[in-house]
Amino acid sequence: MLRPNSLRIVIAPALILAIVAMVGCSGGGEESTTLRKYFNASKMGDNMTLANIATVGFDPKTDGQVQGFSVVSSTPDQVTPLTLKQLAADLKAAQDADSEFSKKKKEYQDANSDAIDRILKAEAAAKPLKGKDADIQKEWTKWRDETKTFAAKATEARKALNHELPVVNISTQDQRNPLIVTDYDGELVTKDVTIDAKVKMADGATVEKQMVVTIQRATLKNVVGKDGKAADYVGRWVITKHAEAGK
């Protein structure tokens, strides 16, 4: 009768110590799970896993290898609206306008091809033009200037879309249920997680570092599921930045 009780007394503290050690190593919650996967994948050179949870790397040669970490603190969620749907519409409008302009420009160029050829040769030789060629030169210069304007608008619209797109794609990607994220409105949650980490450097030395890791997660609004019902689609956390605390 005494044996089971004595075992219970011995085992209970051991379990408590194991649980405490586990929590002290990595903390709890989904954020810590993502961080643990990130550091393990970086250590192993597992680029497939990294591509699913991060937009930045943690290079063992320069950043070291995280042997263990504990979460010190995390900032409150910072929520900003996603504008992918509007940005995609803006890009399409800019591309359509550029395409229509290019069509009209080609029509003008085809109708004045001989004169434009003379103009280009004169400009290359830095020779002045007179008469009708001079008039066409002014018109052709306007066409060329507007070409840059339309192209710049399309480029800026594409840049704005691509600024938001990568993290949202990674956060919400699901091979079983692929989504076109630009079809939806939504929001992006950002938080900074401060951790104390043991890091093995490339020279073999192990150092203590406090780091701030930025994580983001996208939520898409009114996504229709296989059951035909619309609901918010909450994505996974994605690591988008890391730096030593104070730097």
Protein backbone atom coordinates (compact mmCIF):
# COMPACT_ATOMS: atom_id res chain seq x y z
CA MET A 1 0.00 0.00 0.00
CA LEU A 2 2.93 2.31 0.69
CA ARG A 3 4.60 1.72 -2.67
CA PRO A 4 2.01 3.38 -4.93
CA ASN A 5 1.86 6.41 -2.65
CA SER A 6 5.65 6.77 -2.65
CA LEU A 7 5.71 6.59 -6.44
CA ARG A 8 3.05 9.26 -6.64
CA ILE A 9 5.11 11.53 -4.40
CA VAL A 10 8.20 11.05 -6.58
CA ILE A 11 6.50 11.37 -9.95
CA ALA A 12 4.46 14.50 -9.27
CA PRO A 13 7.46 16.82 -8.67
CA ALA A 14 9.18 15.39 -11.75
CA LEU A 15 6.18 16.21 -13.91
CA ILE A 16 6.00 19.70 -12.49
CA LEU A 17 9.70 20.27 -13.21
CA ALA A 18 9.26 19.01 -16.78
CA ILE A 19 6.31 21.31 -17.39
CA VAL A 20 8.17 24.29 -15.93
CA ALA A 21 11.20 23.53 -18.10
CA MET A 22 9.04 23.30 -21.23
CA VAL A 23 7.32 26.63 -20.54
CA GLY A 24 10.65 28.26 -19.70
CA CYS A 25 12.13 27.07 -22.97
CA SER A 26 9.59 28.42 -25.39
CA GLY A 27 6.52 29.88 -23.72
CA GLY A 28 3.00 28.94 -24.73
CA GLY A 29 0.56 29.83 -27.40
CA GLU A 30 0.44 29.85 -31.17
CA GLU A 31 3.02 32.64 -31.42
CA SER A 32 5.61 30.53 -29.57
CA THR A 33 4.84 27.49 -31.71
CA THR A 34 5.49 29.57 -34.83
CA LEU A 35 8.75 30.89 -33.39
CA ARG A 36 9.90 27.39 -32.45
CA LYS A 37 9.17 26.10 -35.96
CA TYR A 38 10.96 29.11 -37.43
CA PHE A 39 14.17 28.69 -35.44
CA ASN A 40 14.23 24.90 -35.93
CA ALA A 41 13.66 25.22 -39.68
CA SER A 42 16.37 27.90 -39.90
CA LYS A 43 18.78 25.65 -38.03
CA MET A 44 18.04 22.71 -40.35
CA GLY A 45 17.96 24.73 -43.57
CA ASP A 46 14.35 23.67 -44.10
CA ASN A 47 13.38 26.26 -46.72
CA MET A 48 9.99 24.65 -47.40
CA THR A 49 8.86 25.18 -43.82
CA LEU A 50 10.33 28.68 -43.74
CA ALA A 51 8.42 29.63 -46.88
CA ASN A 52 5.18 28.71 -45.09
CA ILE A 53 5.78 30.80 -41.96
CA ALA A 54 8.15 33.68 -42.74
CA THR A 55 9.14 36.40 -45.17
CA VAL A 56 12.62 36.80 -43.62
CA GLY A 57 15.39 34.34 -42.92
CA PHE A 58 17.50 33.60 -39.83
CA ASP A 59 20.88 32.73 -41.32
CA PRO A 60 22.94 30.34 -39.14
CA LYS A 61 26.16 31.82 -40.55
CA THR A 62 25.38 35.39 -39.51
CA ASP A 63 22.46 35.21 -37.05
CA GLY A 64 23.44 31.92 -35.39
CA GLN A 65 21.29 28.99 -34.32
CA VAL A 66 18.72 29.44 -31.58
CA GLN A 67 19.10 26.58 -29.10
CA GLY A 68 16.18 27.64 -26.90
CA PHE A 69 14.17 30.70 -26.00
CA SER A 70 11.60 32.09 -23.60
CA VAL A 71 9.01 34.75 -24.31
CA VAL A 72 9.57 37.90 -22.26
CA SER A 73 6.66 39.98 -23.50
CA SER A 74 4.50 40.78 -26.49
CA THR A 75 2.87 44.01 -27.57
CA PRO A 76 -0.91 44.40 -27.93
CA ASP A 77 -2.30 43.54 -31.35
CA GLN A 78 -2.05 46.37 -33.85
CA VAL A 79 -4.89 45.99 -36.35
CA THR A 80 -4.85 47.69 -39.76
CA PRO A 81 -7.33 47.20 -42.60
CA LEU A 82 -6.25 45.21 -45.63
CA THR A 83 -6.72 47.06 -48.89
CA LEU A 84 -5.78 44.25 -51.28
CA LYS A 85 -9.16 44.25 -52.99
CA GLN A 86 -8.99 47.99 -53.72
CA LEU A 87 -5.30 47.85 -54.64
CA ALA A 88 -5.98 45.05 -57.12
CA ALA A 89 -8.79 47.13 -58.65
CA ASP A 90 -6.46 50.14 -58.83
CA LEU A 91 -3.81 48.06 -60.58
CA LYS A 92 -6.28 46.71 -63.12
CA ALA A 93 -7.55 50.23 -63.84
CA ALA A 94 -3.99 51.50 -64.32
CA GLN A 95 -3.11 48.57 -66.59
CA ASP A 96 -6.28 49.03 -68.65
CA ALA A 97 -5.57 52.74 -69.03
CA ASP A 98 -1.98 52.00 -70.04
CA SER A 99 -3.14 49.41 -72.56
CA GLU A 100 -5.69 51.79 -74.10
CA PHE A 101 -3.10 54.57 -74.29
CA SER A 102 -0.55 52.23 -75.91
CA LYS A 103 -3.14 51.27 -78.53
CA LYS A 104 -3.77 54.93 -79.46
CA LYS A 105 -0.05 55.69 -79.43
CA LYS A 106 0.61 52.85 -81.89
CA GLU A 107 -2.14 54.11 -84.18
CA TYR A 108 -0.51 57.55 -84.23
CA GLN A 109 2.92 56.01 -84.75
CA ASP A 110 1.72 53.86 -87.64
CA ALA A 111 0.05 56.85 -89.29
CA ASN A 112 3.24 58.92 -89.04
CA SER A 113 5.93 56.26 -89.23
CA ASP A 114 8.06 57.92 -91.92
CA ALA A 115 8.10 61.29 -90.17
CA ILE A 116 8.84 59.68 -86.78
CA ASP A 117 11.73 57.79 -88.33
CA ARG A 118 13.16 61.09 -89.61
CA ILE A 119 12.58 62.69 -86.21
CA LEU A 120 14.43 59.95 -84.36
CA LYS A 121 17.40 60.19 -86.70
CA ALA A 122 17.46 63.99 -86.38
CA GLU A 123 17.31 63.77 -82.58
CA ALA A 124 20.15 61.25 -82.53
CA ALA A 125 22.25 63.64 -84.60
CA ALA A 126 21.09 66.67 -82.57
CA LYS A 127 19.72 68.34 -85.70
CA PRO A 128 16.79 70.80 -85.58
CA LEU A 129 13.61 70.09 -87.55
CA LYS A 130 11.35 72.43 -89.48
CA GLY A 131 7.87 72.46 -90.94
CA LYS A 132 5.56 69.51 -90.54
CA ASP A 133 8.30 67.31 -89.07
CA ALA A 134 8.81 69.87 -86.30
CA ASP A 135 5.08 69.79 -85.52
CA ILE A 136 5.04 66.00 -85.44
CA GLN A 137 8.14 66.06 -83.24
CA LYS A 138 6.26 68.12 -80.63
CA GLU A 139 3.29 65.74 -80.80
CA TRP A 140 5.48 62.65 -80.62
CA THR A 141 7.31 64.09 -77.62
CA LYS A 142 3.95 64.43 -75.84
CA TRP A 143 3.14 60.82 -76.63
CA ARG A 144 6.51 59.71 -75.22
CA ASP A 145 6.08 61.77 -72.04
CA GLU A 146 2.59 60.38 -71.47
CA THR A 147 3.94 56.87 -72.00
CA LYS A 148 6.16 57.37 -68.95
CA THR A 149 3.24 58.75 -66.94
CA PHE A 150 0.92 55.81 -67.67
CA ALA A 151 3.71 53.28 -67.05
CA ALA A 152 4.61 54.96 -63.74
CA LYS A 153 0.99 54.79 -62.53
CA ALA A 154 0.84 51.07 -63.28
CA THR A 155 4.20 50.50 -61.59
CA GLU A 156 3.13 52.36 -58.44
CA ALA A 157 -0.15 50.46 -58.28
CA ARG A 158 1.72 47.16 -58.63
CA LYS A 159 4.23 48.17 -55.97
CA ALA A 160 1.46 49.09 -53.52
CA LEU A 161 -0.26 45.73 -54.07
CA ASN A 162 2.96 43.74 -53.77
CA HIS A 163 3.77 45.47 -50.48
CA GLU A 164 0.80 43.77 -48.77
CA LEU A 165 0.48 40.63 -50.86
CA PRO A 166 3.35 38.34 -49.70
CA VAL A 167 2.50 38.17 -45.98
CA VAL A 168 -1.23 37.77 -46.69
CA ASN A 169 -0.58 34.97 -49.17
CA ILE A 170 1.64 33.10 -46.71
CA SER A 171 -0.71 33.67 -43.77
CA THR A 172 -3.80 32.38 -45.57
CA GLN A 173 -2.40 29.77 -47.94
CA ASP A 174 -4.10 26.40 -47.78
CA GLN A 175 -3.55 23.82 -50.50
CA ARG A 176 -6.91 22.22 -49.68
CA ASN A 177 -8.76 25.51 -50.02
CA PRO A 178 -6.77 27.93 -52.22
CA LEU A 179 -7.99 31.52 -52.04
CA ILE A 180 -7.53 34.52 -54.30
CA VAL A 181 -6.79 36.96 -51.51
CA THR A 182 -7.43 40.03 -53.67
CA ASP A 183 -11.11 39.05 -53.80
CA TYR A 184 -11.56 39.91 -50.13
CA ASP A 185 -11.44 42.75 -47.65
CA GLY A 186 -9.84 42.02 -44.31
CA GLU A 187 -7.36 43.11 -41.69
CA LEU A 188 -3.76 42.56 -40.73
CA VAL A 189 -2.73 42.00 -37.12
CA THR A 190 0.84 42.90 -36.12
CA LYS A 191 2.64 42.37 -32.84
CA ASP A 192 6.23 42.39 -31.56
CA VAL A 193 7.33 39.46 -29.41
CA THR A 194 10.39 39.96 -27.20
CA ILE A 195 12.32 36.78 -26.40
CA ASP A 196 15.42 35.79 -24.44
CA ALA A 197 17.32 33.27 -26.55
CA LYS A 198 20.39 31.07 -26.30
CA VAL A 199 22.11 31.40 -29.66
CA LYS A 200 24.99 29.28 -30.93
CA MET A 201 27.10 31.43 -33.22
CA ALA A 202 29.07 30.28 -36.27
CA ASP A 203 32.33 30.24 -34.25
CA GLY A 204 30.80 27.75 -31.78
CA ALA A 205 30.26 30.20 -28.93
CA THR A 206 26.85 30.23 -27.25
CA VAL A 207 25.56 33.67 -26.27
CA GLU A 208 22.46 35.05 -24.62
CA LYS A 209 20.48 37.46 -26.81
CA GLN A 210 17.27 39.36 -26.34
CA MET A 211 15.47 39.72 -29.64
CA VAL A 212 12.33 41.38 -30.90
CA VAL A 213 10.45 39.36 -33.52
CA THR A 214 7.64 40.93 -35.52
CA ILE A 215 4.79 38.59 -36.43
CA GLN A 216 1.74 39.29 -38.57
CA ARG A 217 -1.50 37.48 -39.31
CA ALA A 218 -4.17 38.20 -41.92
CA THR A 219 -7.91 37.77 -41.59
CA LEU A 220 -10.07 37.71 -44.72
CA LYS A 221 -13.69 38.76 -44.38
CA ASN A 222 -16.73 36.79 -45.59
CA VAL A 223 -14.95 33.81 -47.12
CA VAL A 224 -17.48 31.25 -48.34
CA GLY A 225 -16.60 27.77 -47.14
CA LYS A 226 -17.47 24.39 -48.60
CA ASP A 227 -20.69 24.45 -46.61
CA GLY A 228 -21.76 27.58 -48.51
CA LYS A 229 -21.60 29.78 -45.41
CA ALA A 230 -19.55 32.97 -45.21
CA ALA A 231 -17.21 33.51 -42.27
CA ASP A 232 -13.96 35.26 -41.43
CA TYR A 233 -10.89 33.28 -42.45
CA VAL A 234 -8.12 33.70 -39.85
CA GLY A 235 -4.66 32.96 -41.17
CA ARG A 236 -1.50 31.74 -39.46
CA TRP A 237 1.16 33.91 -37.85
CA VAL A 238 3.99 34.91 -40.18
CA ILE A 239 7.40 36.15 -39.07
CA THR A 240 8.24 39.33 -40.98
CA LYS A 241 11.13 40.86 -39.03
CA HIS A 242 13.67 40.14 -36.29
CA ALA A 243 16.34 42.22 -34.61
CA GLU A 244 18.32 42.30 -31.39
CA ALA A 245 16.53 44.34 -28.74
CA GLY A 246 17.62 47.95 -28.74
CA LYS A 247 18.90 47.86 -32.33
